[in-house]
Protein backbone atom coordinates (compact mmCIF):
# COMPACT_ATOMS: atom_id res chain seq x y z
CA MET A 1 125.99 156.55 106.18
CA GLU A 2 122.59 154.71 107.60
CA ASN A 3 122.67 152.92 103.91
CA PHE A 4 125.85 151.68 105.51
CA ILE A 5 124.51 150.35 108.39
CA ILE A 6 121.43 148.48 107.26
CA LEU A 7 123.61 147.05 104.44
CA ARG A 8 125.79 145.78 107.16
CA SER A 9 123.16 144.39 109.77
CA GLN A 10 121.71 142.51 107.10
CA THR A 11 125.69 140.91 106.16
CA LYS A 12 125.60 140.11 110.03
CA ARG A 13 122.14 138.77 110.10
CA GLU A 14 123.00 136.11 106.67
CA TYR A 15 126.14 135.75 108.84
CA ASN A 16 124.43 134.48 111.87
CA MET A 17 121.67 132.29 109.55
CA LYS A 18 124.13 130.58 108.05
CA ARG A 19 126.12 129.92 111.40
CA ARG A 20 123.43 128.83 112.37
CA LEU A 21 122.35 126.81 109.77
CA LEU A 22 125.70 125.26 109.35
CA THR A 23 125.21 124.20 112.93
CA VAL A 24 122.38 122.34 112.11
CA CYS A 25 123.77 120.21 109.14
CA MET A 26 126.94 119.29 111.44
CA VAL A 27 124.24 117.75 114.70
CA ALA A 28 122.69 116.47 112.17
CA MET A 29 125.62 114.43 110.09
CA MET A 30 126.98 113.61 113.91
CA ALA A 31 123.28 112.06 114.63
CA VAL A 32 123.40 110.07 111.56
CA SER A 33 127.03 109.01 111.36
CA SER A 34 126.39 107.63 115.60
CA PHE A 35 122.98 106.11 114.53
CA ALA A 36 124.75 104.23 112.35
CA GLN A 37 127.55 103.24 113.98
CA THR A 38 125.56 101.89 116.56
CA ASP A 39 123.14 99.98 113.91
CA SER A 40 126.25 98.82 112.42
CA LEU A 41 127.54 97.51 116.09
CA SER A 42 124.65 95.89 117.51
CA MET A 43 123.81 94.53 114.24
CA PRO A 44 123.36 90.60 114.95
CA THR A 45 125.63 87.92 112.48
CA PRO A 46 123.09 86.05 110.50
CA THR A 47 123.54 82.63 112.58
CA SER A 48 120.35 81.70 113.29
CA LYS A 49 118.12 80.23 110.53
CA PHE A 50 114.62 80.41 109.44
CA GLY A 51 111.89 78.40 107.61
CA TYR A 52 110.00 78.38 104.85
CA VAL A 53 107.04 77.26 103.71
CA SER A 54 103.54 77.74 100.81
CA TYR A 55 100.99 78.66 103.62
CA GLU A 56 97.86 78.12 100.59
CA GLN A 57 99.77 74.56 99.17
CA VAL A 58 100.38 73.14 103.08
CA LEU A 59 96.62 74.46 103.42
CA ARG A 60 95.06 72.57 100.56
CA ALA A 61 97.60 68.93 101.84
CA MET A 62 95.41 69.50 105.03
CA PRO A 63 93.21 66.14 104.93
CA ASP A 64 90.18 68.40 105.99
CA TYR A 65 90.88 70.39 103.34
CA ALA A 66 88.84 68.43 100.67
CA LEU A 67 85.98 67.91 103.06
CA VAL A 68 85.69 70.70 103.71
CA GLN A 69 85.56 73.17 99.96
CA GLN A 70 83.04 70.15 99.48
CA LYS A 71 80.28 71.31 102.24
CA LEU A 72 81.52 75.18 100.62
CA GLN A 73 81.04 74.13 97.07
CA ALA A 74 77.36 72.54 97.91
CA LEU A 75 76.78 75.39 99.81
CA ARG A 76 77.29 77.58 96.48
CA THR A 77 75.28 75.46 94.81
CA GLN A 78 72.58 76.24 96.29
CA TYR A 79 72.92 79.73 95.94
CA ASP A 80 73.69 79.51 92.29
CA ALA A 81 70.26 77.79 91.86
CA GLU A 82 67.93 80.49 93.84
CA LEU A 83 69.88 82.72 91.94
CA GLN A 84 69.18 81.43 88.12
CA ARG A 85 65.64 81.05 89.63
CA VAL A 86 64.79 84.35 90.68
CA THR A 87 66.90 85.76 87.39
CA GLN A 88 64.67 83.37 85.46
CA ASP A 89 61.43 84.77 86.98
CA PHE A 90 62.61 88.62 86.13
CA ASN A 91 63.10 87.24 82.61
CA ILE A 92 59.53 85.82 81.81
CA LYS A 93 57.96 89.25 83.52
CA TYR A 94 60.22 91.25 81.64
CA GLU A 95 59.27 89.82 78.51
CA GLU A 96 55.52 89.46 79.70
CA PHE A 97 56.04 93.70 80.03
CA LEU A 98 57.49 94.02 76.15
CA GLN A 99 54.91 92.17 74.99
CA GLY A 100 52.23 93.86 76.47
CA GLN A 101 53.29 97.51 77.14
CA ARG A 102 51.45 98.83 74.11
CA ASP A 103 48.20 97.91 75.22
CA PHE A 104 48.96 98.52 78.89
CA PRO A 105 46.62 101.79 80.23
CA GLU A 106 49.32 104.08 81.41
CA THR A 107 48.21 102.85 85.45
CA ILE A 108 49.04 99.08 84.20
CA LEU A 109 52.19 99.87 82.70
CA ARG A 110 53.32 102.19 85.51
CA LYS A 111 52.86 99.38 88.39
CA ARG A 112 54.19 96.71 85.84
CA GLN A 113 57.28 99.03 85.68
CA THR A 114 57.24 99.63 89.57
CA GLU A 115 57.18 95.60 90.07
CA LEU A 116 60.17 95.11 87.34
CA LYS A 117 61.82 97.94 88.77
CA ASP A 118 61.92 95.96 92.68
CA LEU A 119 62.38 92.79 91.07
CA LEU A 120 65.62 93.53 89.80
CA GLU A 121 66.63 95.38 93.19
CA ARG A 122 65.56 92.22 95.09
CA ASN A 123 67.70 89.56 92.61
CA LEU A 124 70.94 92.57 92.89
CA ALA A 125 70.84 92.50 97.05
CA PHE A 126 70.22 89.08 96.86
CA LYS A 127 73.07 87.96 94.32
CA ALA A 128 75.11 90.50 96.94
CA GLU A 129 74.13 89.03 99.91
CA SER A 130 74.79 86.28 99.17
CA ARG A 131 78.52 86.84 97.63
CA GLU A 132 79.30 88.28 101.52
CA GLN A 133 77.31 85.14 102.91
CA LEU A 134 79.65 82.85 101.17
CA LYS A 135 82.91 84.44 101.53
CA GLN A 136 81.76 84.83 105.59
CA ALA A 137 80.99 80.88 105.34
CA GLU A 138 84.41 79.99 103.67
CA ALA A 139 85.91 82.14 106.70
CA GLU A 140 84.30 80.16 109.14
CA ALA A 141 84.88 77.08 107.83
CA MET A 142 88.56 77.42 106.74
CA ALA A 143 89.10 79.03 110.40
CA PRO A 144 89.72 75.65 112.27
CA LEU A 145 91.90 74.73 109.62
CA ARG A 146 94.03 77.82 109.54
CA GLN A 147 94.44 77.88 113.31
CA MET A 148 95.76 74.24 113.51
CA LEU A 149 98.14 75.45 110.26
CA ASN A 150 99.54 78.08 112.33
CA GLU A 151 99.55 76.23 115.48
CA THR A 152 101.88 73.94 113.93
CA LEU A 153 104.44 76.48 111.96
CA GLU A 154 104.51 77.74 115.78
CA ALA A 155 105.66 73.94 117.09
CA ILE A 156 108.00 73.12 114.94
CA GLY A 157 109.39 76.75 114.57
CA LEU A 158 110.20 76.24 117.85
CA GLU A 159 111.56 72.82 117.98
CA GLN A 160 113.48 73.66 114.79
CA GLY A 161 115.23 76.44 116.70
CA LEU A 162 114.57 78.87 114.33
CA ALA A 163 114.14 82.79 114.09
CA PHE A 164 110.99 83.20 111.87
CA ILE A 165 108.92 81.17 109.04
CA LEU A 166 108.01 82.70 106.20
CA ASN A 167 105.03 82.19 103.65
CA THR A 168 106.41 81.53 99.92
CA ASP A 169 103.58 82.63 98.80
CA ALA A 170 102.96 84.74 95.60
CA GLY A 171 106.59 84.47 94.71
CA ALA A 172 107.62 86.35 98.14
CA LEU A 173 110.59 84.79 98.16
CA PRO A 174 112.56 84.13 95.11
CA PHE A 175 115.89 82.80 96.55
CA VAL A 176 117.11 81.42 99.61
CA HIS A 177 120.25 80.84 101.12
CA PRO A 178 120.58 77.06 101.82
CA ALA A 179 122.88 77.43 104.25
CA MET A 180 120.01 79.95 106.12
CA GLY A 181 116.63 79.28 104.64
CA VAL A 182 114.57 75.87 105.81
CA ASP A 183 111.82 73.97 103.78
CA VAL A 184 109.35 73.30 106.31
CA SER A 185 106.63 72.14 104.18
CA GLU A 186 106.62 68.08 104.31
CA LEU A 187 107.53 68.12 108.35
CA VAL A 188 104.55 70.50 108.21
CA ILE A 189 102.18 67.88 106.30
CA GLN A 190 103.61 65.33 107.93
CA ARG A 191 102.78 66.74 111.32
CA LEU A 192 99.39 67.85 110.45
CA THR A 193 98.51 64.31 108.95
CA ARG A 194 99.21 62.73 112.42
CA SER A 195 97.14 65.33 114.10
CA VAL A 196 94.53 64.74 112.49
CA GLU A 197 94.78 61.17 112.89
CA THR A 198 95.27 61.32 116.43
CA LEU A 199 92.00 63.59 116.50
CA ARG A 200 89.55 60.74 115.28
CA ARG A 201 90.60 58.17 116.87
């Protein structure tokens, strides 16, 4: 009799658990169905057009881009020349060390080894710092051009009534429906050229 009561109690608990699980599933399905209906009803009809442009292509076409790149290249040349100089200094000292290491007293040998180690670490630090300085210089030099380009894109987007303007760089936009997408590249380049010419007057 006790076994029957225990079995009956377990069966009742299992039934209650299954009923709760079924109720949760039904509520979840109703919520998903309701969300889908609301989403489909609120989804706007794709009547708005959007623009697209190659950001890098337009950036390179800006009148001041070549001048900025010329200044950056001059800076890279200076850093490269200095790096080459310190590398040559290290190579000379290293060759001298190799030639004389067998004849050096222990104290001088350790001193030369320490000097070479310090020199190598300084050269590596200079190389890393040069890379960061060049990256920062490029970011600062390109910032005004990017700001001008972004402002021009915003102005054209508002004037043309475009919902947004996509960047097609790196193949990010393999297909554009001709009835919905507008290539604004030439318009942006023309607007930027006129803006720069106006500023230079």
